[in-house]
Each structure stands twice: as structure tokens, then as C-alpha cells.
Amino acid sequence: MGSNLGSAGLMLVNTLVNIYLFVLMLRFLLQFSQADYYNPLSQGIVKATQPVVAPVQKILRPVGRIDIATLFVGFLLKVIVITAIFQIAGFGMPPLQGLLLAGIAGVLNAILKIYFFALIIMIILSWVAPRASHPGALLVMQIVEPIMAPVRRVIPPLGMIDLSPIVVFIAINLLDSVVVGSLARAAGLPGALVGF
């Protein structure tokens, strides 16, 4: 019973860290998409992540719209938690190469999940409230626009039917299965430690 309880505890810690990693990558995507900084939800995300990102931003400055510090903090957080789980579970130190690959896969997985969920929310909003002015709805639209705009230029809407979300969903699933899946397999670590 004790080992089951310990296992559940480790998975709980991993889940909580994945949620925080999700929030960190949301911060990264907000800056990447140049979303409204004064949106109350943006402010909440920045406040929740500022204590860990601000010290790193003094060293790693953003490059254009890419916030390297937030990416690095997310990567580091994932690597630390995987190492801690391995140590606590009694497996020793995971291989360094596997650890680095798992950290990259975890960060990419979080970014792709955010895009996936944001697209679903965007599609539902387009049916239910196409002109919604809620801060959350505006933020979702601003996050997905950088990935939707290039696809819309190639596949314009056909009247009221917009096929671009389908293409983006396929691209997200391909990236998740091919790139993230390959990194996770190359890491040689349990899949539950890499992604959600």
C-alpha cells in the first residue's frame, strides 16, 4: 500500500508541475502572439510566473517575440522534476541525454496542448458567441491567430465554412506524434513523465 501511495504522490507532483509548465508556456505564447498585455488573464499569468521567470530574464533577454527565459525555465522545471521523481522512486539518476530530450519534449508537448485546446475553444466560440468580448475569448483568439493566419492565406474560408482549423489540428497532431513522440522515445523515459 505504501508504494502505491508513494506512486500516487509522485504522479500528483508530476501533474502539478505539468500544470505550472502549461501556465509558463501560455506566458511564452502570449508574448509570441503579442497578445494584449493588459488583459486581466494575461496579467494573472504574468504574475503567476514572474517569480521564476524574472531572475532568468536578467540573463536571457527576449529575441524579438521569443521569450527565451520562459522557455528555459519551463525546460529546467521539467528536467528537475523528472530527476527528482527518479531519485525519490529509487531509480537513481536518469541518463543525461534522455533527461535533456525529455525536457524538450515536455516543453513542446505543453505548447502543442495549449494550441490544441485554444483551437477547440475558438471553434466553440465561433458557433456560440462569434463576437464575444470576454477577456478569455479575446485572449484565445489572439493566441491562435499567428498559426491560423498563414493557413487562411493558403486555404481561405469558403463562405461561412473555415477549413483552416482542420489543417491546423492535423499539423498539431502530426507534430505531437512525430516530433514529441520521437523525442520521448529517444529519451527512453516513461511517457507519463514527458507529457500530460
C-alpha atoms as a PDB file:
ATOM      1  CA  MET A   1       0.000   0.000   0.000  1.00  0.00           C
ATOM      2  CA  GLY A   2       2.872   2.360   0.822  1.00  0.00           C
ATOM      3  CA  SER A   3       4.398   2.035  -2.651  1.00  0.00           C
ATOM      4  CA  ASN A   4       1.002   2.718  -4.274  1.00  0.00           C
ATOM      5  CA  LEU A   5       0.604   5.802  -2.107  1.00  0.00           C
ATOM      6  CA  GLY A   6       4.140   6.939  -2.991  1.00  0.00           C
ATOM      7  CA  SER A   7       3.452   6.339  -6.669  1.00  0.00           C
ATOM      8  CA  ALA A   8       0.255   8.364  -6.480  1.00  0.00           C
ATOM      9  CA  GLY A   9       2.145  11.150  -4.710  1.00  0.00           C
ATOM     10  CA  LEU A  10       4.824  11.243  -7.406  1.00  0.00           C
ATOM     11  CA  MET A  11       2.199  11.354 -10.150  1.00  0.00           C
ATOM     12  CA  LEU A  12       0.402  14.164  -8.301  1.00  0.00           C
ATOM     13  CA  VAL A  13       3.633  16.162  -8.125  1.00  0.00           C
ATOM     14  CA  ASN A  14       4.272  15.499 -11.821  1.00  0.00           C
ATOM     15  CA  THR A  15       0.739  16.644 -12.685  1.00  0.00           C
ATOM     16  CA  LEU A  16       1.083  19.849 -10.656  1.00  0.00           C
ATOM     17  CA  VAL A  17       4.414  20.621 -12.319  1.00  0.00           C
ATOM     18  CA  ASN A  18       2.856  19.946 -15.745  1.00  0.00           C
ATOM     19  CA  ILE A  19       0.063  22.408 -14.933  1.00  0.00           C
ATOM     20  CA  TYR A  20       2.618  25.055 -13.979  1.00  0.00           C
ATOM     21  CA  LEU A  21       4.609  24.249 -17.127  1.00  0.00           C
ATOM     22  CA  PHE A  22       1.358  24.745 -19.057  1.00  0.00           C
ATOM     23  CA  VAL A  23       0.999  28.226 -17.471  1.00  0.00           C
ATOM     24  CA  LEU A  24       4.648  29.046 -18.286  1.00  0.00           C
ATOM     25  CA  MET A  25       4.195  28.054 -21.924  1.00  0.00           C
ATOM     26  CA  LEU A  26       0.972  30.052 -22.012  1.00  0.00           C
ATOM     27  CA  ARG A  27       3.044  33.064 -20.952  1.00  0.00           C
ATOM     28  CA  PHE A  28       5.518  32.260 -23.731  1.00  0.00           C
ATOM     29  CA  LEU A  29       2.725  32.051 -26.336  1.00  0.00           C
ATOM     30  CA  LEU A  30       1.140  35.280 -25.108  1.00  0.00           C
ATOM     31  CA  GLN A  31       4.366  37.123 -25.853  1.00  0.00           C
ATOM     32  CA  PHE A  32       4.925  35.222 -29.093  1.00  0.00           C
ATOM     33  CA  SER A  33       1.450  36.129 -30.370  1.00  0.00           C
ATOM     34  CA  GLN A  34       1.764  39.679 -28.988  1.00  0.00           C
ATOM     35  CA  ALA A  35      -1.499  39.251 -27.095  1.00  0.00           C
ATOM     36  CA  ASP A  36      -2.947  42.135 -25.092  1.00  0.00           C
ATOM     37  CA  TYR A  37      -0.637  42.548 -22.098  1.00  0.00           C
ATOM     38  CA  TYR A  38      -3.298  44.462 -20.155  1.00  0.00           C
ATOM     39  CA  ASN A  39      -5.901  41.709 -20.484  1.00  0.00           C
ATOM     40  CA  PRO A  40      -6.729  40.604 -16.896  1.00  0.00           C
ATOM     41  CA  LEU A  41      -5.952  36.967 -17.747  1.00  0.00           C
ATOM     42  CA  SER A  42      -2.581  37.947 -19.237  1.00  0.00           C
ATOM     43  CA  GLN A  43      -1.813  39.887 -16.070  1.00  0.00           C
ATOM     44  CA  GLY A  44      -2.706  36.859 -13.933  1.00  0.00           C
ATOM     45  CA  ILE A  45      -0.465  34.555 -15.982  1.00  0.00           C
ATOM     46  CA  VAL A  46       2.434  37.019 -15.800  1.00  0.00           C
ATOM     47  CA  LYS A  47       2.012  37.413 -12.019  1.00  0.00           C
ATOM     48  CA  ALA A  48       1.893  33.630 -11.507  1.00  0.00           C
ATOM     49  CA  THR A  49       5.101  33.079 -13.477  1.00  0.00           C
ATOM     50  CA  GLN A  50       7.053  36.255 -12.740  1.00  0.00           C
ATOM     51  CA  PRO A  51       8.841  34.954  -9.599  1.00  0.00           C
ATOM     52  CA  VAL A  52      10.605  32.198 -11.566  1.00  0.00           C
ATOM     53  CA  VAL A  53      10.967  33.958 -14.921  1.00  0.00           C
ATOM     54  CA  ALA A  54      12.148  37.437 -13.820  1.00  0.00           C
ATOM     55  CA  PRO A  55      15.568  36.345 -12.462  1.00  0.00           C
ATOM     56  CA  VAL A  56      16.303  34.377 -15.654  1.00  0.00           C
ATOM     57  CA  GLN A  57      15.204  37.299 -17.864  1.00  0.00           C
ATOM     58  CA  LYS A  58      18.099  39.327 -16.461  1.00  0.00           C
ATOM     59  CA  ILE A  59      20.438  36.865 -18.177  1.00  0.00           C
ATOM     60  CA  LEU A  60      18.416  35.556 -21.127  1.00  0.00           C
ATOM     61  CA  ARG A  61      16.816  38.508 -22.901  1.00  0.00           C
ATOM     62  CA  PRO A  62      13.917  38.002 -25.335  1.00  0.00           C
ATOM     63  CA  VAL A  63      14.803  37.753 -29.014  1.00  0.00           C
ATOM     64  CA  GLY A  64      12.034  39.565 -30.847  1.00  0.00           C
ATOM     65  CA  ARG A  65       8.799  37.868 -29.864  1.00  0.00           C
ATOM     66  CA  ILE A  66      10.560  34.786 -28.461  1.00  0.00           C
ATOM     67  CA  ASP A  67      10.935  34.828 -24.685  1.00  0.00           C
ATOM     68  CA  ILE A  68      13.952  32.566 -24.237  1.00  0.00           C
ATOM     69  CA  ALA A  69      13.888  32.918 -20.440  1.00  0.00           C
ATOM     70  CA  THR A  70      10.375  31.455 -20.157  1.00  0.00           C
ATOM     71  CA  LEU A  71      11.293  28.556 -22.456  1.00  0.00           C
ATOM     72  CA  PHE A  72      14.431  27.883 -20.424  1.00  0.00           C
ATOM     73  CA  VAL A  73      12.553  27.991 -17.101  1.00  0.00           C
ATOM     74  CA  GLY A  74       9.961  25.546 -18.458  1.00  0.00           C
ATOM     75  CA  PHE A  75      12.696  23.229 -19.717  1.00  0.00           C
ATOM     76  CA  LEU A  76      14.618  23.438 -16.437  1.00  0.00           C
ATOM     77  CA  LEU A  77      11.483  22.818 -14.386  1.00  0.00           C
ATOM     78  CA  LYS A  78      10.686  19.691 -16.402  1.00  0.00           C
ATOM     79  CA  VAL A  79      14.252  18.362 -16.099  1.00  0.00           C
ATOM     80  CA  ILE A  80      14.351  18.992 -12.339  1.00  0.00           C
ATOM     81  CA  VAL A  81      11.029  17.265 -11.678  1.00  0.00           C
ATOM     82  CA  ILE A  82      11.951  14.220 -13.785  1.00  0.00           C
ATOM     83  CA  THR A  83      15.260  13.952 -11.925  1.00  0.00           C
ATOM     84  CA  ALA A  84      13.510  14.332  -8.557  1.00  0.00           C
ATOM     85  CA  ILE A  85      10.916  11.680  -9.406  1.00  0.00           C
ATOM     86  CA  PHE A  86      13.644   9.253 -10.469  1.00  0.00           C
ATOM     87  CA  GLN A  87      15.596   9.915  -7.256  1.00  0.00           C
ATOM     88  CA  ILE A  88      12.563   9.573  -4.974  1.00  0.00           C
ATOM     89  CA  ALA A  89      11.387   6.417  -6.752  1.00  0.00           C
ATOM     90  CA  GLY A  90      14.834   4.905  -6.207  1.00  0.00           C
ATOM     91  CA  PHE A  91      15.864   4.588  -9.865  1.00  0.00           C
ATOM     92  CA  GLY A  92      18.935   6.777  -9.469  1.00  0.00           C
ATOM     93  CA  MET A  93      19.928   9.460 -11.931  1.00  0.00           C
ATOM     94  CA  PRO A  94      18.301   9.236 -15.374  1.00  0.00           C
ATOM     95  CA  PRO A  95      20.689   9.367 -18.363  1.00  0.00           C
ATOM     96  CA  LEU A  96      21.638  12.972 -19.180  1.00  0.00           C
ATOM     97  CA  GLN A  97      20.767  12.729 -22.879  1.00  0.00           C
ATOM     98  CA  GLY A  98      17.374  11.203 -22.054  1.00  0.00           C
ATOM     99  CA  LEU A  99      16.766  13.891 -19.476  1.00  0.00           C
ATOM    100  CA  LEU A 100      17.513  16.711 -21.929  1.00  0.00           C
ATOM    101  CA  LEU A 101      15.348  15.146 -24.646  1.00  0.00           C
ATOM    102  CA  ALA A 102      12.504  14.625 -22.154  1.00  0.00           C
ATOM    103  CA  GLY A 103      12.736  18.283 -21.098  1.00  0.00           C
ATOM    104  CA  ILE A 104      12.483  19.469 -24.711  1.00  0.00           C
ATOM    105  CA  ALA A 105       9.630  17.040 -25.396  1.00  0.00           C
ATOM    106  CA  GLY A 106       7.776  18.242 -22.291  1.00  0.00           C
ATOM    107  CA  VAL A 107       8.016  21.894 -23.332  1.00  0.00           C
ATOM    108  CA  LEU A 108       6.921  21.153 -26.924  1.00  0.00           C
ATOM    109  CA  ASN A 109       4.088  18.976 -25.655  1.00  0.00           C
ATOM    110  CA  ALA A 110       2.802  21.795 -23.424  1.00  0.00           C
ATOM    111  CA  ILE A 111       2.910  24.312 -26.310  1.00  0.00           C
ATOM    112  CA  LEU A 112       1.064  21.952 -28.658  1.00  0.00           C
ATOM    113  CA  LYS A 113      -1.571  21.185 -25.998  1.00  0.00           C
ATOM    114  CA  ILE A 114      -2.201  24.901 -25.493  1.00  0.00           C
ATOM    115  CA  TYR A 115      -2.721  25.376 -29.220  1.00  0.00           C
ATOM    116  CA  PHE A 116      -4.953  22.293 -29.349  1.00  0.00           C
ATOM    117  CA  PHE A 117      -7.219  23.458 -26.506  1.00  0.00           C
ATOM    118  CA  ALA A 118      -7.226  27.058 -27.750  1.00  0.00           C
ATOM    119  CA  LEU A 119      -8.389  25.886 -31.195  1.00  0.00           C
ATOM    120  CA  ILE A 120     -11.214  23.872 -29.664  1.00  0.00           C
ATOM    121  CA  ILE A 121     -12.292  26.898 -27.598  1.00  0.00           C
ATOM    122  CA  MET A 122     -12.033  29.143 -30.678  1.00  0.00           C
ATOM    123  CA  ILE A 123     -14.232  26.799 -32.720  1.00  0.00           C
ATOM    124  CA  ILE A 124     -16.861  26.569 -29.965  1.00  0.00           C
ATOM    125  CA  LEU A 125     -16.831  30.347 -29.542  1.00  0.00           C
ATOM    126  CA  SER A 126     -17.280  30.850 -33.292  1.00  0.00           C
ATOM    127  CA  TRP A 127     -20.501  28.828 -33.081  1.00  0.00           C
ATOM    128  CA  VAL A 128     -21.850  30.093 -29.756  1.00  0.00           C
ATOM    129  CA  ALA A 129     -20.580  33.668 -29.451  1.00  0.00           C
ATOM    130  CA  PRO A 130     -18.784  34.786 -32.633  1.00  0.00           C
ATOM    131  CA  ARG A 131     -18.379  38.381 -31.439  1.00  0.00           C
ATOM    132  CA  ALA A 132     -17.548  37.631 -27.804  1.00  0.00           C
ATOM    133  CA  SER A 133     -15.737  40.409 -25.968  1.00  0.00           C
ATOM    134  CA  HIS A 134     -14.887  38.429 -22.835  1.00  0.00           C
ATOM    135  CA  PRO A 135     -11.166  38.756 -21.920  1.00  0.00           C
ATOM    136  CA  GLY A 136     -10.738  34.967 -22.149  1.00  0.00           C
ATOM    137  CA  ALA A 137     -12.294  34.792 -25.603  1.00  0.00           C
ATOM    138  CA  LEU A 138     -10.140  37.665 -26.863  1.00  0.00           C
ATOM    139  CA  LEU A 139      -7.016  36.020 -25.466  1.00  0.00           C
ATOM    140  CA  VAL A 140      -7.806  32.700 -27.158  1.00  0.00           C
ATOM    141  CA  MET A 141      -8.303  34.453 -30.499  1.00  0.00           C
ATOM    142  CA  GLN A 142      -5.006  36.337 -30.098  1.00  0.00           C
ATOM    143  CA  ILE A 143      -3.098  33.140 -29.229  1.00  0.00           C
ATOM    144  CA  VAL A 144      -4.317  31.128 -32.230  1.00  0.00           C
ATOM    145  CA  GLU A 145      -4.132  33.921 -34.798  1.00  0.00           C
ATOM    146  CA  PRO A 146      -0.360  33.545 -35.525  1.00  0.00           C
ATOM    147  CA  ILE A 147      -0.859  29.896 -36.518  1.00  0.00           C
ATOM    148  CA  MET A 148      -4.202  30.391 -38.231  1.00  0.00           C
ATOM    149  CA  ALA A 149      -3.307  33.408 -40.423  1.00  0.00           C
ATOM    150  CA  PRO A 150      -0.735  31.602 -42.648  1.00  0.00           C
ATOM    151  CA  VAL A 151      -3.142  28.689 -43.171  1.00  0.00           C
ATOM    152  CA  ARG A 152      -6.023  31.054 -44.003  1.00  0.00           C
ATOM    153  CA  ARG A 153      -3.873  32.690 -46.690  1.00  0.00           C
ATOM    154  CA  VAL A 154      -3.461  29.289 -48.364  1.00  0.00           C
ATOM    155  CA  ILE A 155      -6.985  27.985 -47.649  1.00  0.00           C
ATOM    156  CA  PRO A 156      -9.377  30.957 -47.486  1.00  0.00           C
ATOM    157  CA  PRO A 157     -12.795  30.482 -45.854  1.00  0.00           C
ATOM    158  CA  LEU A 158     -15.478  29.103 -48.175  1.00  0.00           C
ATOM    159  CA  GLY A 159     -18.374  31.393 -47.330  1.00  0.00           C
ATOM    160  CA  MET A 160     -19.218  30.641 -43.709  1.00  0.00           C
ATOM    161  CA  ILE A 161     -17.081  27.492 -43.610  1.00  0.00           C
ATOM    162  CA  ASP A 162     -13.484  27.856 -42.441  1.00  0.00           C
ATOM    163  CA  LEU A 163     -11.398  24.734 -43.079  1.00  0.00           C
ATOM    164  CA  SER A 164      -8.165  26.159 -41.680  1.00  0.00           C
ATOM    165  CA  PRO A 165      -8.736  24.818 -38.113  1.00  0.00           C
ATOM    166  CA  ILE A 166      -8.881  21.271 -39.518  1.00  0.00           C
ATOM    167  CA  VAL A 167      -5.500  21.747 -41.219  1.00  0.00           C
ATOM    168  CA  VAL A 168      -4.021  23.201 -38.017  1.00  0.00           C
ATOM    169  CA  PHE A 169      -5.428  20.308 -35.940  1.00  0.00           C
ATOM    170  CA  ILE A 170      -3.807  17.817 -38.308  1.00  0.00           C
ATOM    171  CA  ALA A 171      -0.493  19.709 -38.115  1.00  0.00           C
ATOM    172  CA  ILE A 172      -0.628  19.789 -34.302  1.00  0.00           C
ATOM    173  CA  ASN A 173      -1.363  16.061 -34.108  1.00  0.00           C
ATOM    174  CA  LEU A 174       1.441  15.274 -36.576  1.00  0.00           C
ATOM    175  CA  LEU A 175       3.926  17.389 -34.642  1.00  0.00           C
ATOM    176  CA  ASP A 176       2.823  15.827 -31.373  1.00  0.00           C
ATOM    177  CA  SER A 177       3.050  12.256 -32.600  1.00  0.00           C
ATOM    178  CA  VAL A 178       6.132  12.583 -34.811  1.00  0.00           C
ATOM    179  CA  VAL A 179       8.350  15.195 -33.126  1.00  0.00           C
ATOM    180  CA  VAL A 180       7.314  14.947 -29.473  1.00  0.00           C
ATOM    181  CA  GLY A 181       6.768  11.192 -29.740  1.00  0.00           C
ATOM    182  CA  SER A 182      10.220  10.696 -31.297  1.00  0.00           C
ATOM    183  CA  LEU A 183      11.866  12.828 -28.605  1.00  0.00           C
ATOM    184  CA  ALA A 184      10.022  10.957 -25.853  1.00  0.00           C
ATOM    185  CA  ARG A 185      11.011   7.568 -27.297  1.00  0.00           C
ATOM    186  CA  ALA A 186      14.621   8.692 -27.767  1.00  0.00           C
ATOM    187  CA  ALA A 187      14.660   9.872 -24.137  1.00  0.00           C
ATOM    188  CA  GLY A 188      13.884   6.322 -23.032  1.00  0.00           C
ATOM    189  CA  LEU A 189      11.867   7.556 -20.050  1.00  0.00           C
ATOM    190  CA  PRO A 190       8.270   6.680 -19.147  1.00  0.00           C
ATOM    191  CA  GLY A 191       5.815   8.646 -21.307  1.00  0.00           C
ATOM    192  CA  ALA A 192       3.874   9.868 -18.279  1.00  0.00           C
ATOM    193  CA  LEU A 193       6.932  11.878 -17.181  1.00  0.00           C
ATOM    194  CA  VAL A 194       7.280  13.655 -20.519  1.00  0.00           C
ATOM    195  CA  GLY A 195       3.785  14.870 -21.301  1.00  0.00           C
ATOM    196  CA  PHE A 196       0.345  15.274 -19.843  1.00  0.00           C
END
